[in-house]
PDB file of N, CA and C in Angstrom:
ATOM      1  N   MET A   1       0.829  -1.180   0.000  1.00  0.00           N
ATOM      2  CA  MET A   1       0.000   0.000   0.000  1.00  0.00           C
ATOM      3  C   MET A   1       0.880   1.253   0.000  1.00  0.00           C
ATOM      4  N   SER A   2       0.390   2.216  -0.633  1.00  0.00           N
ATOM      5  CA  SER A   2       1.163   3.461  -0.658  1.00  0.00           C
ATOM      6  C   SER A   2       0.796   4.311   0.554  1.00  0.00           C
ATOM      7  N   LYS A   3       1.656   5.249   0.851  1.00  0.00           N
ATOM      8  CA  LYS A   3       1.444   6.109   2.020  1.00  0.00           C
ATOM      9  C   LYS A   3       0.415   7.198   1.747  1.00  0.00           C
ATOM     10  N   ASN A   4       0.084   7.397   0.496  1.00  0.00           N
ATOM     11  CA  ASN A   4      -0.857   8.454   0.134  1.00  0.00           C
ATOM     12  C   ASN A   4      -2.252   7.871  -0.078  1.00  0.00           C
ATOM     13  N   ILE A   5      -2.865   7.401   0.979  1.00  0.00           N
ATOM     14  CA  ILE A   5      -4.199   6.819   0.903  1.00  0.00           C
ATOM     15  C   ILE A   5      -5.204   7.919   1.216  1.00  0.00           C
ATOM     16  N   THR A   6      -6.212   7.991   0.386  1.00  0.00           N
ATOM     17  CA  THR A   6      -7.232   9.014   0.619  1.00  0.00           C
ATOM     18  C   THR A   6      -8.251   8.483   1.619  1.00  0.00           C
ATOM     19  N   ASN A   7      -8.993   9.401   2.184  1.00  0.00           N
ATOM     20  CA  ASN A   7     -10.044   9.017   3.138  1.00  0.00           C
ATOM     21  C   ASN A   7     -11.079   8.132   2.456  1.00  0.00           C
ATOM     22  N   GLU A   8     -11.364   8.408   1.199  1.00  0.00           N
ATOM     23  CA  GLU A   8     -12.345   7.615   0.468  1.00  0.00           C
ATOM     24  C   GLU A   8     -11.842   6.182   0.281  1.00  0.00           C
ATOM     25  N   GLN A   9     -10.566   6.009  -0.035  1.00  0.00           N
ATOM     26  CA  GLN A   9      -9.992   4.669  -0.196  1.00  0.00           C
ATOM     27  C   GLN A   9     -10.013   3.915   1.143  1.00  0.00           C
ATOM     28  N   LEU A  10      -9.656   4.614   2.186  1.00  0.00           N
ATOM     29  CA  LEU A  10      -9.668   4.011   3.516  1.00  0.00           C
ATOM     30  C   LEU A  10     -11.091   3.606   3.907  1.00  0.00           C
ATOM     31  N   PHE A  11     -12.059   4.481   3.615  1.00  0.00           N
ATOM     32  CA  PHE A  11     -13.456   4.176   3.917  1.00  0.00           C
ATOM     33  C   PHE A  11     -13.925   2.941   3.142  1.00  0.00           C
ATOM     34  N   GLU A  12     -13.583   2.869   1.860  1.00  0.00           N
ATOM     35  CA  GLU A  12     -13.968   1.715   1.040  1.00  0.00           C
ATOM     36  C   GLU A  12     -13.322   0.436   1.578  1.00  0.00           C
ATOM     37  N   PHE A  13     -12.058   0.533   1.961  1.00  0.00           N
ATOM     38  CA  PHE A  13     -11.351  -0.634   2.508  1.00  0.00           C
ATOM     39  C   PHE A  13     -12.009  -1.104   3.812  1.00  0.00           C
ATOM     40  N   MET A  14     -12.296  -0.168   4.678  1.00  0.00           N
ATOM     41  CA  MET A  14     -12.924  -0.509   5.959  1.00  0.00           C
ATOM     42  C   MET A  14     -14.329  -1.080   5.737  1.00  0.00           C
ATOM     43  N   THR A  15     -15.058  -0.515   4.780  1.00  0.00           N
ATOM     44  CA  THR A  15     -16.396  -1.011   4.455  1.00  0.00           C
ATOM     45  C   THR A  15     -16.312  -2.444   3.952  1.00  0.00           C
ATOM     46  N   LYS A  16     -15.327  -2.733   3.105  1.00  0.00           N
ATOM     47  CA  LYS A  16     -15.143  -4.079   2.568  1.00  0.00           C
ATOM     48  C   LYS A  16     -14.809  -5.063   3.700  1.00  0.00           C
ATOM     49  N   ILE A  17     -13.901  -4.661   4.570  1.00  0.00           N
ATOM     50  CA  ILE A  17     -13.510  -5.515   5.703  1.00  0.00           C
ATOM     51  C   ILE A  17     -14.721  -5.772   6.597  1.00  0.00           C
ATOM     52  N   TYR A  18     -15.480  -4.738   6.905  1.00  0.00           N
ATOM     53  CA  TYR A  18     -16.654  -4.875   7.747  1.00  0.00           C
ATOM     54  C   TYR A  18     -17.657  -5.828   7.105  1.00  0.00           C
ATOM     55  N   SER A  19     -17.879  -5.664   5.809  1.00  0.00           N
ATOM     56  CA  SER A  19     -18.817  -6.519   5.089  1.00  0.00           C
ATOM     57  C   SER A  19     -18.368  -7.980   5.130  1.00  0.00           C
ATOM     58  N   ASP A  20     -17.070  -8.215   4.907  1.00  0.00           N
ATOM     59  CA  ASP A  20     -16.543  -9.583   4.962  1.00  0.00           C
ATOM     60  C   ASP A  20     -16.713 -10.180   6.363  1.00  0.00           C
ATOM     61  N   LEU A  21     -16.359  -9.407   7.371  1.00  0.00           N
ATOM     62  CA  LEU A  21     -16.500  -9.894   8.750  1.00  0.00           C
ATOM     63  C   LEU A  21     -17.953 -10.156   9.112  1.00  0.00           C
ATOM     64  N   ASP A  22     -18.827  -9.265   8.679  1.00  0.00           N
ATOM     65  CA  ASP A  22     -20.250  -9.431   8.959  1.00  0.00           C
ATOM     66  C   ASP A  22     -20.771 -10.711   8.317  1.00  0.00           C
ATOM     67  N   GLY A  23     -20.349 -10.997   7.108  1.00  0.00           N
ATOM     68  CA  GLY A  23     -20.757 -12.227   6.427  1.00  0.00           C
ATOM     69  C   GLY A  23     -20.224 -13.468   7.132  1.00  0.00           C
ATOM     70  N   LYS A  24     -18.961 -13.397   7.546  1.00  0.00           N
ATOM     71  CA  LYS A  24     -18.369 -14.541   8.240  1.00  0.00           C
ATOM     72  C   LYS A  24     -19.047 -14.781   9.586  1.00  0.00           C
ATOM     73  N   ILE A  25     -19.335 -13.727  10.310  1.00  0.00           N
ATOM     74  CA  ILE A  25     -20.017 -13.866  11.598  1.00  0.00           C
ATOM     75  C   ILE A  25     -21.412 -14.432  11.390  1.00  0.00           C
ATOM     76  N   GLY A  26     -22.093 -13.985  10.341  1.00  0.00           N
ATOM     77  CA  GLY A  26     -23.421 -14.521  10.034  1.00  0.00           C
ATOM     78  C   GLY A  26     -23.359 -16.010   9.736  1.00  0.00           C
ATOM     79  N   ASN A  27     -22.352 -16.428   8.972  1.00  0.00           N
ATOM     80  CA  ASN A  27     -22.182 -17.850   8.664  1.00  0.00           C
ATOM     81  C   ASN A  27     -21.868 -18.650   9.924  1.00  0.00           C
ATOM     82  N   MET A  28     -21.028 -18.086  10.780  1.00  0.00           N
ATOM     83  CA  MET A  28     -20.685 -18.772  12.023  1.00  0.00           C
ATOM     84  C   MET A  28     -21.930 -18.944  12.897  1.00  0.00           C
ATOM     85  N   ASN A  29     -22.744 -17.902  12.998  1.00  0.00           N
ATOM     86  CA  ASN A  29     -23.974 -17.993  13.787  1.00  0.00           C
ATOM     87  C   ASN A  29     -24.898 -19.071  13.230  1.00  0.00           C
ATOM     88  N   LYS A  30     -25.006 -19.131  11.907  1.00  0.00           N
ATOM     89  CA  LYS A  30     -25.853 -20.137  11.266  1.00  0.00           C
ATOM     90  C   LYS A  30     -25.329 -21.540  11.571  1.00  0.00           C
ATOM     91  N   GLU A  31     -24.029 -21.743  11.455  1.00  0.00           N
ATOM     92  CA  GLU A  31     -23.430 -23.048  11.729  1.00  0.00           C
ATOM     93  C   GLU A  31     -23.607 -23.444  13.191  1.00  0.00           C
ATOM     94  N   ILE A  32     -23.456 -22.484  14.083  1.00  0.00           N
ATOM     95  CA  ILE A  32     -23.641 -22.757  15.510  1.00  0.00           C
ATOM     96  C   ILE A  32     -25.084 -23.169  15.778  1.00  0.00           C
ATOM     97  N   GLN A  33     -26.035 -22.467  15.190  1.00  0.00           N
ATOM     98  CA  GLN A  33     -27.450 -22.810  15.376  1.00  0.00           C
ATOM     99  C   GLN A  33     -27.740 -24.207  14.831  1.00  0.00           C
ATOM    100  N   GLU A  34     -27.177 -24.532  13.664  1.00  0.00           N
ATOM    101  CA  GLU A  34     -27.363 -25.868  13.091  1.00  0.00           C
ATOM    102  C   GLU A  34     -26.745 -26.924  14.007  1.00  0.00           C
ATOM    103  N   GLY A  35     -25.592 -26.602  14.583  1.00  0.00           N
ATOM    104  CA  GLY A  35     -24.946 -27.518  15.526  1.00  0.00           C
ATOM    105  C   GLY A  35     -25.810 -27.741  16.751  1.00  0.00           C
ATOM    106  N   PHE A  36     -26.418 -26.673  17.270  1.00  0.00           N
ATOM    107  CA  PHE A  36     -27.311 -26.807  18.425  1.00  0.00           C
ATOM    108  C   PHE A  36     -28.496 -27.707  18.092  1.00  0.00           C
ATOM    109  N   VAL A  37     -29.051 -27.532  16.910  1.00  0.00           N
ATOM    110  CA  VAL A  37     -30.194 -28.353  16.502  1.00  0.00           C
ATOM    111  C   VAL A  37     -29.772 -29.815  16.420  1.00  0.00           C
ATOM    112  N   GLU A  38     -28.599 -30.086  15.847  1.00  0.00           N
ATOM    113  CA  GLU A  38     -28.112 -31.463  15.747  1.00  0.00           C
ATOM    114  C   GLU A  38     -27.894 -32.070  17.137  1.00  0.00           C
ATOM    115  N   VAL A  39     -27.274 -31.307  18.025  1.00  0.00           N
ATOM    116  CA  VAL A  39     -27.028 -31.801  19.384  1.00  0.00           C
ATOM    117  C   VAL A  39     -28.357 -32.062  20.091  1.00  0.00           C
ATOM    118  N   LYS A  40     -29.295 -31.156  19.937  1.00  0.00           N
ATOM    119  CA  LYS A  40     -30.609 -31.309  20.561  1.00  0.00           C
ATOM    120  C   LYS A  40     -31.297 -32.574  20.048  1.00  0.00           C
ATOM    121  N   ASN A  41     -31.217 -32.820  18.742  1.00  0.00           N
ATOM    122  CA  ASN A  41     -31.829 -34.015  18.169  1.00  0.00           C
ATOM    123  C   ASN A  41     -31.148 -35.282  18.676  1.00  0.00           C
ATOM    124  N   GLU A  42     -29.836 -35.264  18.796  1.00  0.00           N
ATOM    125  CA  GLU A  42     -29.113 -36.433  19.309  1.00  0.00           C
ATOM    126  C   GLU A  42     -29.459 -36.692  20.773  1.00  0.00           C
ATOM    127  N   ILE A  43     -29.586 -35.628  21.551  1.00  0.00           N
ATOM    128  CA  ILE A  43     -29.977 -35.782  22.961  1.00  0.00           C
ATOM    129  C   ILE A  43     -31.367 -36.386  23.036  1.00  0.00           C
ATOM    130  N   LYS A  44     -32.274 -35.911  22.184  1.00  0.00           N
ATOM    131  CA  LYS A  44     -33.638 -36.443  22.181  1.00  0.00           C
ATOM    132  C   LYS A  44     -33.632 -37.929  21.813  1.00  0.00           C
ATOM    133  N   LYS A  45     -32.843 -38.304  20.786  1.00  0.00           N
ATOM    134  CA  LYS A  45     -32.751 -39.715  20.383  1.00  0.00           C
ATOM    135  C   LYS A  45     -32.202 -40.568  21.520  1.00  0.00           C
ATOM    136  N   THR A  46     -31.159 -40.063  22.178  1.00  0.00           N
ATOM    137  CA  THR A  46     -30.545 -40.801  23.282  1.00  0.00           C
ATOM    138  C   THR A  46     -31.527 -40.954  24.440  1.00  0.00           C
ATOM    139  N   SER A  47     -32.249 -39.901  24.737  1.00  0.00           N
ATOM    140  CA  SER A  47     -33.240 -39.947  25.815  1.00  0.00           C
ATOM    141  C   SER A  47     -34.333 -40.967  25.502  1.00  0.00           C
ATOM    142  N   ILE A  48     -34.800 -40.989  24.268  1.00  0.00           N
ATOM    143  CA  ILE A  48     -35.832 -41.951  23.872  1.00  0.00           C
ATOM    144  C   ILE A  48     -35.290 -43.372  23.977  1.00  0.00           C
ATOM    145  N   LYS A  49     -34.040 -43.558  23.541  1.00  0.00           N
ATOM    146  CA  LYS A  49     -33.427 -44.883  23.610  1.00  0.00           C
ATOM    147  C   LYS A  49     -33.305 -45.335  25.062  1.00  0.00           C
ATOM    148  N   ILE A  50     -32.899 -44.433  25.937  1.00  0.00           N
ATOM    149  CA  ILE A  50     -32.786 -44.767  27.360  1.00  0.00           C
ATOM    150  C   ILE A  50     -34.160 -45.152  27.909  1.00  0.00           C
ATOM    151  N   ASP A  51     -35.177 -44.358  27.578  1.00  0.00           N
ATOM    152  CA  ASP A  51     -36.518 -44.634  28.090  1.00  0.00           C
ATOM    153  C   ASP A  51     -37.068 -45.967  27.596  1.00  0.00           C
ATOM    154  N   HIS A  52     -36.813 -46.310  26.341  1.00  0.00           N
ATOM    155  CA  HIS A  52     -37.440 -47.493  25.748  1.00  0.00           C
ATOM    156  C   HIS A  52     -36.573 -48.748  25.774  1.00  0.00           C
ATOM    157  N   GLU A  53     -35.272 -48.609  25.860  1.00  0.00           N
ATOM    158  CA  GLU A  53     -34.405 -49.781  25.823  1.00  0.00           C
ATOM    159  C   GLU A  53     -33.695 -50.045  27.156  1.00  0.00           C
ATOM    160  N   VAL A  54     -33.187 -49.011  27.766  1.00  0.00           N
ATOM    161  CA  VAL A  54     -32.364 -49.192  28.962  1.00  0.00           C
ATOM    162  C   VAL A  54     -33.213 -49.306  30.225  1.00  0.00           C
ATOM    163  N   MET A  55     -34.181 -48.430  30.380  1.00  0.00           N
ATOM    164  CA  MET A  55     -34.978 -48.430  31.613  1.00  0.00           C
ATOM    165  C   MET A  55     -35.709 -49.757  31.852  1.00  0.00           C
ATOM    166  N   PRO A  56     -36.322 -50.366  30.822  1.00  0.00           N
ATOM    167  CA  PRO A  56     -36.947 -51.674  31.087  1.00  0.00           C
ATOM    168  C   PRO A  56     -35.947 -52.718  31.589  1.00  0.00           C
ATOM    169  N   LYS A  57     -34.735 -52.680  31.069  1.00  0.00           N
ATOM    170  CA  LYS A  57     -33.711 -53.626  31.521  1.00  0.00           C
ATOM    171  C   LYS A  57     -33.312 -53.345  32.968  1.00  0.00           C
ATOM    172  N   ILE A  58     -33.174 -52.088  33.305  1.00  0.00           N
ATOM    173  CA  ILE A  58     -32.829 -51.722  34.685  1.00  0.00           C
ATOM    174  C   ILE A  58     -33.959 -52.142  35.626  1.00  0.00           C
ATOM    175  N   ASN A  59     -35.188 -51.893  35.215  1.00  0.00           N
ATOM    176  CA  ASN A  59     -36.330 -52.292  36.050  1.00  0.00           C
ATOM    177  C   ASN A  59     -36.364 -53.805  36.232  1.00  0.00           C
ATOM    178  N   ALA A  60     -36.061 -54.558  35.170  1.00  0.00           N
ATOM    179  CA  ALA A  60     -36.032 -56.018  35.279  1.00  0.00           C
ATOM    180  C   ALA A  60     -34.944 -56.458  36.245  1.00  0.00           C
ATOM    181  N   LEU A  61     -33.783 -55.798  36.196  1.00  0.00           N
ATOM    182  CA  LEU A  61     -32.709 -56.128  37.126  1.00  0.00           C
ATOM    183  C   LEU A  61     -33.119 -55.852  38.565  1.00  0.00           C
ATOM    184  N   PHE A  62     -33.777 -54.724  38.810  1.00  0.00           N
ATOM    185  CA  PHE A  62     -34.234 -54.415  40.167  1.00  0.00           C
ATOM    186  C   PHE A  62     -35.283 -55.421  40.631  1.00  0.00           C
ATOM    187  N   ASP A  63     -36.174 -55.808  39.717  1.00  0.00           N
ATOM    188  CA  ASP A  63     -37.174 -56.816  40.085  1.00  0.00           C
ATOM    189  C   ASP A  63     -36.490 -58.124  40.462  1.00  0.00           C
ATOM    190  N   GLY A  64     -35.491 -58.543  39.675  1.00  0.00           N
ATOM    191  CA  GLY A  64     -34.748 -59.764  39.987  1.00  0.00           C
ATOM    192  C   GLY A  64     -34.035 -59.656  41.313  1.00  0.00           C
ATOM    193  N   TYR A  65     -33.456 -58.499  41.581  1.00  0.00           N
ATOM    194  CA  TYR A  65     -32.781 -58.278  42.862  1.00  0.00           C
ATOM    195  C   TYR A  65     -33.769 -58.417  44.012  1.00  0.00           C
ATOM    196  N   LYS A  66     -34.955 -57.830  43.860  1.00  0.00           N
ATOM    197  CA  LYS A  66     -35.967 -57.899  44.917  1.00  0.00           C
ATOM    198  C   LYS A  66     -36.414 -59.346  45.129  1.00  0.00           C
ATOM    199  N   GLN A  67     -36.616 -60.074  44.037  1.00  0.00           N
ATOM    200  CA  GLN A  67     -37.018 -61.477  44.159  1.00  0.00           C
ATOM    201  C   GLN A  67     -35.948 -62.285  44.887  1.00  0.00           C
ATOM    202  N   ASN A  68     -34.682 -62.075  44.525  1.00  0.00           N
ATOM    203  CA  ASN A  68     -33.588 -62.785  45.210  1.00  0.00           C
ATOM    204  C   ASN A  68     -33.527 -62.417  46.688  1.00  0.00           C
ATOM    205  N   SER A  69     -33.711 -61.142  46.969  1.00  0.00           N
ATOM    206  CA  SER A  69     -33.676 -60.681  48.353  1.00  0.00           C
ATOM    207  C   SER A  69     -34.807 -61.329  49.156  1.00  0.00           C
ATOM    208  N   ASP A  70     -35.996 -61.369  48.578  1.00  0.00           N
ATOM    209  CA  ASP A  70     -37.135 -62.001  49.254  1.00  0.00           C
ATOM    210  C   ASP A  70     -36.863 -63.487  49.478  1.00  0.00           C
ATOM    211  N   LYS A  71     -36.326 -64.143  48.467  1.00  0.00           N
ATOM    212  CA  LYS A  71     -36.038 -65.582  48.574  1.00  0.00           C
ATOM    213  C   LYS A  71     -34.988 -65.843  49.655  1.00  0.00           C
ATOM    214  N   LEU A  72     -33.953 -65.001  49.690  1.00  0.00           N
ATOM    215  CA  LEU A  72     -32.935 -65.157  50.733  1.00  0.00           C
ATOM    216  C   LEU A  72     -33.530 -64.942  52.119  1.00  0.00           C
ATOM    217  N   GLY A  73     -34.465 -64.030  52.233  1.00  0.00           N
ATOM    218  CA  GLY A  73     -35.134 -63.792  53.513  1.00  0.00           C
ATOM    219  C   GLY A  73     -35.901 -65.025  53.966  1.00  0.00           C
ATOM    220  N   ARG A  74     -36.606 -65.661  53.037  1.00  0.00           N
ATOM    221  CA  ARG A  74     -37.357 -66.885  53.382  1.00  0.00           C
ATOM    222  C   ARG A  74     -36.401 -68.018  53.757  1.00  0.00           C
ATOM    223  N   ILE A  75     -35.299 -68.148  53.025  1.00  0.00           N
ATOM    224  CA  ILE A  75     -34.309 -69.188  53.330  1.00  0.00           C
ATOM    225  C   ILE A  75     -33.710 -68.954  54.709  1.00  0.00           C
ATOM    226  N   GLU A  76     -33.414 -67.697  55.008  1.00  0.00           N
ATOM    227  CA  GLU A  76     -32.841 -67.354  56.319  1.00  0.00           C
ATOM    228  C   GLU A  76     -33.805 -67.724  57.444  1.00  0.00           C
ATOM    229  N   GLU A  77     -35.079 -67.480  57.244  1.00  0.00           N
ATOM    230  CA  GLU A  77     -36.076 -67.843  58.260  1.00  0.00           C
ATOM    231  C   GLU A  77     -36.098 -69.354  58.474  1.00  0.00           C
ATOM    232  N   GLU A  78     -36.078 -70.105  57.377  1.00  0.00           N
ATOM    233  CA  GLU A  78     -36.091 -71.572  57.488  1.00  0.00           C
ATOM    234  C   GLU A  78     -34.840 -72.089  58.183  1.00  0.00           C
ATOM    235  N   VAL A  79     -33.687 -71.512  57.834  1.00  0.00           N
ATOM    236  CA  VAL A  79     -32.439 -71.931  58.463  1.00  0.00           C
ATOM    237  C   VAL A  79     -32.488 -71.631  59.956  1.00  0.00           C
ATOM    238  N   SER A  80     -33.036 -70.506  60.324  1.00  0.00           N
ATOM    239  CA  SER A  80     -33.155 -70.143  61.747  1.00  0.00           C
ATOM    240  C   SER A  80     -34.024 -71.153  62.482  1.00  0.00           C
ATOM    241  N   LYS A  81     -35.121 -71.575  61.869  1.00  0.00           N
ATOM    242  CA  LYS A  81     -36.001 -72.584  62.494  1.00  0.00           C
ATOM    243  C   LYS A  81     -35.237 -73.887  62.705  1.00  0.00           C
ATOM    244  N   HIS A  82     -34.495 -74.292  61.679  1.00  0.00           N
ATOM    245  CA  HIS A  82     -33.747 -75.547  61.788  1.00  0.00           C
ATOM    246  C   HIS A  82     -32.622 -75.423  62.818  1.00  0.00           C
ATOM    247  N   GLU A  83     -32.005 -74.269  62.909  1.00  0.00           N
ATOM    248  CA  GLU A  83     -30.961 -74.059  63.925  1.00  0.00           C
ATOM    249  C   GLU A  83     -31.550 -74.226  65.314  1.00  0.00           C
ATOM    250  N   GLU A  84     -32.742 -73.652  65.528  1.00  0.00           N
ATOM    251  CA  GLU A  84     -33.383 -73.765  66.832  1.00  0.00           C
ATOM    252  C   GLU A  84     -33.678 -75.225  67.171  1.00  0.00           C
ATOM    253  N   ILE A  85     -34.140 -75.978  66.158  1.00  0.00           N
ATOM    254  CA  ILE A  85     -34.462 -77.395  66.376  1.00  0.00           C
ATOM    255  C   ILE A  85     -33.172 -78.177  66.697  1.00  0.00           C
ATOM    256  N   ILE A  86     -32.133 -77.939  65.947  1.00  0.00           N
ATOM    257  CA  ILE A  86     -30.847 -78.632  66.147  1.00  0.00           C
ATOM    258  C   ILE A  86     -30.267 -78.284  67.503  1.00  0.00           C
ATOM    259  N   LEU A  87     -30.269 -77.006  67.852  1.00  0.00           N
ATOM    260  CA  LEU A  87     -29.745 -76.572  69.142  1.00  0.00           C
ATOM    261  C   LEU A  87     -30.593 -77.151  70.283  1.00  0.00           C
ATOM    262  N   GLY A  88     -31.894 -77.288  70.085  1.00  0.00           N
ATOM    263  CA  GLY A  88     -32.767 -77.863  71.103  1.00  0.00           C
ATOM    264  C   GLY A  88     -32.467 -79.334  71.310  1.00  0.00           C
ATOM    265  N   ARG A  89     -32.120 -80.062  70.284  1.00  0.00           N
ATOM    266  CA  ARG A  89     -31.811 -81.481  70.391  1.00  0.00           C
ATOM    267  C   ARG A  89     -30.442 -81.699  71.065  1.00  0.00           C
ATOM    268  N   ILE A  90     -29.518 -80.785  70.795  1.00  0.00           N
ATOM    269  CA  ILE A  90     -28.164 -80.917  71.350  1.00  0.00           C
ATOM    270  C   ILE A  90     -28.199 -80.711  72.846  1.00  0.00           C
ATOM    271  N   LYS A  91     -28.964 -79.811  73.325  1.00  0.00           N
ATOM    272  CA  LYS A  91     -28.983 -79.489  74.763  1.00  0.00           C
ATOM    273  C   LYS A  91     -29.755 -80.516  75.462  1.00  0.00           C
TER     274      LYS A  91
END
């Protein structure tokens, strides 16, 4: 660039730079919004998958745990009865 730049040339240059930056910022905003929409859709898909695929399996596991716990409780009661009978015979 030469040292003899007129105000009009400087104004045109600054206007061009501003226009380019404004366009780039607009594109960046658009891409960011599209990215947010994609992330939101993926979160929704993941949430639906968790609700329909994972939660039933977790509930089944908890049900199995409860059944085992109940069964162990009944076994413990029976063992206690037999212990009392055995201890009564020993004495």
